[in-house]
Amino acid sequence: MSRKIAFATCVQLGLSCIEEIYRIGGNLDLLISLNDGRDKKKSGRVYLDAIAEKYNVPLIKINNINDAEVIESLKEHNIDWLFIIGWSQIARKDVLNAPSKGCIGMHPTLLPIGRGRAAIPWAIIKGLDKTGVTMFKLDEGVDTGDIIGQGVIEINKGTTATKLYKKVNDTHVELISKYWGDIVNDKVNPIKQDDSKATEWPGRKPEDGELSRSMTMDEADKLVRAVTHPYPGAFYKVNDRVIRVWSAKVDSSEGEIKLRDGYLTPIDYEIEG
C-alpha cells in the first residue's frame, strides 16, 4: 500500500530532495513552504511554486510549521508521512502527530553525535575525519528521534565548508533515493539512538569567526575552512578595518598574521570598512 507523503522545505537542500523523489518515480501529495516574504536572506532560500505547478501538487505557504493551517492540511490530504527538511522551526507535538505515520527529518551529522546547530562548521573545527547525514523520525526532542538511515562523509585537511555543504546536499539526495521505497511501502524500521554516545553542538554567531594571535596554525586553518562560503567567513581587524578571509595558508616561518606557533596569510579575502 503506497503512502501519502507531504514535504516541507524552504531551502535548496529540500528542493534537491523533492526533485530526487520525482526523478525516481515517486510522488508527493502536499508541499509546504514559508510565505514569500519570510526569511528572504536565508542561506539557500528557495520557492516551491514552479515544482508544485510542474507536478500539480497542492502548495501551502505558512509563517510557522506549527500553524493550525498545517495540521488542517495534513489531515485534509490524509498524509501518512511529513518530511521536514532544512526548516529552522521546531515542530511541536500537534504537527508531529498529524500524519498517521509521523514526520521525517535529516540532520548533517552521524547522530547521536552532533545534535544541535552549526553541524558543518563544527565538524571541521573539531577536526573530525568523518561526518554524515542522518535520516530520522522526528520527536519532541532536538535531533533525538529514531534513526532510519545514515550516509557517511569523509573529511580531510583540505575540506572546506563549501565542499562539505555540497557533500551534505548530495547525501540528503542519496538517502531519499535509498529509503523512499521503504517509506512508501511501510518497511521502515527505525532504530533508537544511543543516548550515552550523544553530544550537543551549540549555535555559532558571525563574531565567532574572529582569528586571534593566541590560535595555533591548525586552529586558524580549521576556522577559515569551517566558516567560508556559504557562512559569514573568518576575519581579523586592522585598526578600523575588517579583513574577511575566505581562504588562507599557514606557515611556521612567515606570513601576514602572527599566530602562537607560526603565521597565517589570506589568499582569498575582502577588506571591509
Protein backbone atom coordinates (compact mmCIF):
# COMPACT_ATOMS: atom_id res chain seq x y z
CA MET A 1 0.00 0.00 0.00
CA SER A 2 1.54 3.28 -1.13
CA ARG A 3 1.57 6.03 1.48
CA LYS A 4 0.59 9.69 1.06
CA ILE A 5 3.57 11.98 1.60
CA ALA A 6 3.93 15.72 2.30
CA PHE A 7 7.16 17.71 2.16
CA ALA A 8 8.03 20.94 4.00
CA THR A 9 11.08 22.96 2.98
CA CYS A 10 12.22 26.46 2.07
CA VAL A 11 15.86 25.78 1.09
CA GLN A 12 17.73 24.26 -1.84
CA LEU A 13 18.65 21.17 0.15
CA GLY A 14 14.97 20.29 0.47
CA LEU A 15 14.20 21.14 -3.15
CA SER A 16 17.01 18.77 -4.22
CA CYS A 17 15.28 16.01 -2.25
CA ILE A 18 11.90 16.78 -3.86
CA GLU A 19 13.46 16.67 -7.32
CA GLU A 20 15.03 13.30 -6.48
CA ILE A 21 11.67 11.88 -5.35
CA TYR A 22 10.21 12.66 -8.77
CA ARG A 23 13.36 11.51 -10.59
CA ILE A 24 13.00 8.02 -9.08
CA GLY A 25 9.30 7.86 -9.92
CA GLY A 26 7.91 8.93 -6.56
CA ASN A 27 5.04 11.27 -5.90
CA LEU A 28 4.10 13.91 -3.31
CA ASP A 29 0.61 14.81 -2.14
CA LEU A 30 1.28 18.17 -0.47
CA LEU A 31 4.06 20.77 -0.43
CA ILE A 32 4.60 23.23 2.42
CA SER A 33 6.86 26.30 2.36
CA LEU A 34 7.31 29.69 4.00
CA ASN A 35 5.35 32.69 2.87
CA ASP A 36 7.26 34.52 0.12
CA GLY A 37 8.10 37.48 2.36
CA ARG A 38 9.66 35.39 5.12
CA ASP A 39 13.42 34.75 5.52
CA LYS A 40 14.33 36.15 2.10
CA LYS A 41 18.02 36.27 3.07
CA LYS A 42 18.11 32.74 4.49
CA SER A 43 21.06 30.78 3.03
CA GLY A 44 19.82 28.62 0.16
CA ARG A 45 16.29 30.12 0.27
CA VAL A 46 14.05 28.69 -2.49
CA TYR A 47 10.42 28.85 -3.58
CA LEU A 48 8.34 25.80 -4.48
CA ASP A 49 5.82 27.38 -6.87
CA ALA A 50 7.47 26.06 -10.04
CA ILE A 51 7.83 22.45 -8.90
CA ALA A 52 4.31 22.46 -7.42
CA GLU A 53 2.94 23.62 -10.77
CA LYS A 54 5.09 21.20 -12.75
CA TYR A 55 3.79 18.14 -10.86
CA ASN A 56 0.35 19.55 -9.99
CA VAL A 57 0.90 19.27 -6.23
CA PRO A 58 -1.07 21.39 -3.72
CA LEU A 59 1.20 24.02 -2.14
CA ILE A 60 0.52 25.92 1.08
CA LYS A 61 2.65 28.83 2.30
CA ILE A 62 2.87 29.48 6.02
CA ASN A 63 4.58 31.56 8.70
CA ASN A 64 5.26 28.68 11.08
CA ILE A 65 5.30 24.89 10.79
CA ASN A 66 3.02 24.75 13.86
CA ASP A 67 0.26 26.90 12.30
CA ALA A 68 -3.24 25.44 12.51
CA GLU A 69 -3.38 25.55 8.71
CA VAL A 70 -0.58 22.98 8.53
CA ILE A 71 -2.36 20.49 10.77
CA GLU A 72 -5.63 21.01 8.90
CA SER A 73 -3.95 20.46 5.51
CA LEU A 74 -2.16 17.31 6.67
CA LYS A 75 -5.46 15.85 7.84
CA GLU A 76 -7.39 17.05 4.79
CA HIS A 77 -4.95 15.29 2.45
CA ASN A 78 -4.77 12.16 4.67
CA ILE A 79 -0.97 12.47 4.93
CA ASP A 80 0.89 9.45 6.29
CA TRP A 81 4.43 10.89 6.39
CA LEU A 82 5.62 14.51 6.50
CA PHE A 83 9.22 15.34 5.57
CA ILE A 84 10.55 18.48 7.27
CA ILE A 85 13.94 19.27 5.70
CA GLY A 86 16.06 22.43 6.07
CA TRP A 87 13.48 24.08 8.29
CA SER A 88 14.66 26.14 11.27
CA GLN A 89 11.43 25.99 13.31
CA ILE A 90 10.89 23.07 15.69
CA ALA A 91 7.71 21.07 15.00
CA ARG A 92 5.62 20.58 18.11
CA LYS A 93 3.57 17.58 19.19
CA ASP A 94 0.37 18.50 17.30
CA VAL A 95 2.24 18.63 13.99
CA LEU A 96 4.31 15.52 14.71
CA ASN A 97 1.12 13.57 15.41
CA ALA A 98 -0.93 14.89 12.48
CA PRO A 99 0.47 12.48 9.81
CA SER A 100 -0.65 8.90 10.52
CA LYS A 101 2.92 7.52 10.47
CA GLY A 102 4.83 10.57 11.70
CA CYS A 103 7.42 13.09 10.50
CA ILE A 104 10.87 12.56 8.99
CA GLY A 105 13.82 14.93 9.24
CA MET A 106 17.51 14.93 8.32
CA HIS A 107 20.47 16.23 10.28
CA PRO A 108 24.00 16.73 8.87
CA THR A 109 25.87 14.63 11.44
CA LEU A 110 26.08 10.97 12.34
CA LEU A 111 23.58 11.11 15.18
CA PRO A 112 23.67 10.86 18.14
CA ILE A 113 26.96 12.75 17.60
CA GLY A 114 26.48 16.47 16.98
CA ARG A 115 22.91 17.17 17.93
CA GLY A 116 22.11 20.87 17.68
CA ARG A 117 23.36 23.69 15.48
CA ALA A 118 26.14 24.60 13.04
CA ALA A 119 26.89 20.98 12.18
CA ILE A 120 29.03 21.68 9.11
CA PRO A 121 31.40 24.25 10.69
CA TRP A 122 31.77 22.22 13.90
CA ALA A 123 32.71 19.03 12.05
CA ILE A 124 35.69 20.88 10.51
CA ILE A 125 36.64 22.88 13.64
CA LYS A 126 36.63 19.69 15.73
CA GLY A 127 38.95 18.01 13.24
CA LEU A 128 36.68 15.01 12.65
CA ASP A 129 37.78 12.54 9.99
CA LYS A 130 34.18 11.80 9.06
CA THR A 131 30.69 13.15 9.47
CA GLY A 132 27.49 12.42 7.58
CA VAL A 133 23.75 12.86 7.30
CA THR A 134 21.14 11.07 9.40
CA MET A 135 17.55 10.47 8.28
CA PHE A 136 15.42 10.06 11.39
CA LYS A 137 11.89 10.10 12.72
CA LEU A 138 11.20 13.43 14.38
CA ASP A 139 10.12 13.55 18.01
CA GLU A 140 9.74 16.39 20.51
CA GLY A 141 13.46 16.49 21.29
CA VAL A 142 16.18 18.17 19.22
CA ASP A 143 17.69 15.57 16.86
CA THR A 144 16.78 12.77 19.28
CA GLY A 145 14.41 10.66 17.17
CA ASP A 146 14.83 7.06 15.98
CA ILE A 147 17.26 6.62 13.07
CA ILE A 148 16.01 5.43 9.67
CA GLY A 149 19.37 5.56 7.88
CA GLN A 150 22.72 7.33 7.61
CA GLY A 151 25.25 8.30 4.95
CA VAL A 152 28.92 8.81 5.82
CA ILE A 153 31.04 11.73 4.50
CA GLU A 154 34.85 11.67 4.80
CA ILE A 155 36.66 14.83 5.95
CA ASN A 156 40.34 15.66 5.39
CA LYS A 157 42.67 18.63 5.91
CA GLY A 158 41.52 20.20 2.66
CA THR A 159 37.81 20.05 3.39
CA THR A 160 36.11 23.45 3.41
CA ALA A 161 32.57 24.34 4.43
CA THR A 162 31.80 24.92 0.74
CA LYS A 163 32.83 21.37 -0.18
CA LEU A 164 31.19 19.80 2.85
CA TYR A 165 27.92 21.68 2.25
CA LYS A 166 27.81 20.23 -1.28
CA LYS A 167 28.50 16.70 0.00
CA VAL A 168 25.77 17.11 2.65
CA ASN A 169 23.33 18.12 -0.09
CA ASP A 170 24.32 15.10 -2.20
CA THR A 171 23.98 12.76 0.79
CA HIS A 172 20.47 14.04 1.52
CA VAL A 173 19.54 13.10 -2.04
CA GLU A 174 21.18 9.67 -1.73
CA LEU A 175 19.26 8.91 1.47
CA ILE A 176 15.96 9.92 -0.14
CA SER A 177 16.68 7.59 -3.03
CA LYS A 178 17.77 4.73 -0.77
CA TYR A 179 14.87 4.79 1.69
CA TRP A 180 11.96 6.13 -0.38
CA GLY A 181 10.72 2.65 -1.25
CA ASP A 182 10.79 1.56 2.40
CA ILE A 183 8.92 4.70 3.47
CA VAL A 184 6.06 4.40 0.98
CA ASN A 185 5.75 0.63 1.43
CA ASP A 186 5.76 0.56 5.24
CA LYS A 187 9.12 -1.18 5.51
CA VAL A 188 10.85 1.46 7.64
CA ASN A 189 12.50 0.01 10.75
CA PRO A 190 13.80 2.95 12.82
CA ILE A 191 16.50 2.27 15.43
CA LYS A 192 16.69 4.14 18.75
CA GLN A 193 19.66 6.44 19.28
CA ASP A 194 22.22 5.50 21.91
CA ASP A 195 21.87 8.50 24.24
CA SER A 196 25.04 7.50 26.11
CA LYS A 197 27.04 8.48 22.98
CA ALA A 198 25.16 11.72 22.34
CA THR A 199 26.94 15.08 22.01
CA GLU A 200 25.39 18.50 21.53
CA TRP A 201 26.95 21.27 19.45
CA PRO A 202 25.97 24.89 20.19
CA GLY A 203 24.94 27.51 17.68
CA ARG A 204 27.56 29.82 16.20
CA LYS A 205 27.46 33.56 15.51
CA PRO A 206 29.37 35.56 12.85
CA GLU A 207 31.61 37.04 15.57
CA ASP A 208 32.80 33.52 16.45
CA GLY A 209 34.81 33.63 13.21
CA GLU A 210 37.41 36.08 14.54
CA LEU A 211 41.04 34.98 14.14
CA SER A 212 43.38 35.68 17.07
CA ARG A 213 47.11 35.57 17.74
CA SER A 214 46.54 33.00 20.50
CA MET A 215 45.44 30.40 17.94
CA THR A 216 47.74 27.70 16.62
CA MET A 217 48.21 27.31 12.87
CA ASP A 218 45.98 24.25 12.99
CA GLU A 219 43.19 26.10 14.81
CA ALA A 220 43.31 29.10 12.47
CA ASP A 221 43.37 26.91 9.36
CA LYS A 222 40.37 24.92 10.57
CA LEU A 223 38.43 28.09 11.41
CA VAL A 224 38.99 29.60 7.96
CA ARG A 225 37.91 26.37 6.24
CA ALA A 226 34.93 25.91 8.59
CA VAL A 227 33.27 29.29 8.13
CA THR A 228 33.98 30.08 4.48
CA HIS A 229 31.10 30.24 1.97
CA PRO A 230 28.16 29.78 2.48
CA TYR A 231 28.93 31.00 6.03
CA PRO A 232 30.00 34.53 7.10
CA GLY A 233 33.77 33.91 6.86
CA ALA A 234 36.72 34.19 9.26
CA PHE A 235 38.07 37.68 9.92
CA TYR A 236 40.61 39.82 11.73
CA LYS A 237 40.77 43.54 12.43
CA VAL A 238 43.43 46.07 11.46
CA ASN A 239 42.73 49.48 13.01
CA ASP A 240 39.16 50.29 11.88
CA ARG A 241 39.09 47.77 9.03
CA VAL A 242 37.85 44.19 8.95
CA ILE A 243 39.70 41.70 6.76
CA ARG A 244 37.27 38.94 5.76
CA VAL A 245 39.17 35.74 4.94
CA TRP A 246 37.65 33.11 2.63
CA SER A 247 40.81 31.03 2.17
CA ALA A 248 44.32 31.15 3.62
CA LYS A 249 47.59 29.30 4.06
CA VAL A 250 49.63 28.72 7.21
CA ASP A 251 53.41 28.66 7.54
CA SER A 252 55.72 28.18 10.51
CA SER A 253 58.25 30.84 9.48
CA GLU A 254 56.50 33.73 7.71
CA GLY A 255 53.10 35.20 6.90
CA GLU A 256 50.60 38.02 7.37
CA ILE A 257 49.11 37.23 10.78
CA LYS A 258 51.29 36.10 13.70
CA LEU A 259 49.88 33.03 15.45
CA ARG A 260 51.03 31.14 18.52
CA ASP A 261 53.23 28.74 16.52
CA GLY A 262 53.52 30.35 13.10
CA TYR A 263 51.71 32.57 10.61
CA LEU A 264 48.55 32.76 8.50
CA THR A 265 48.35 34.51 5.14
CA PRO A 266 45.00 35.26 3.50
CA ILE A 267 44.64 34.08 -0.12
CA ASP A 268 41.05 35.00 -0.93
CA TYR A 269 39.90 37.95 1.20
CA GLU A 270 37.92 41.18 1.29
CA ILE A 271 38.69 44.46 3.11
CA GLU A 272 35.68 45.98 4.83
CA GLY A 273 35.37 49.45 6.40
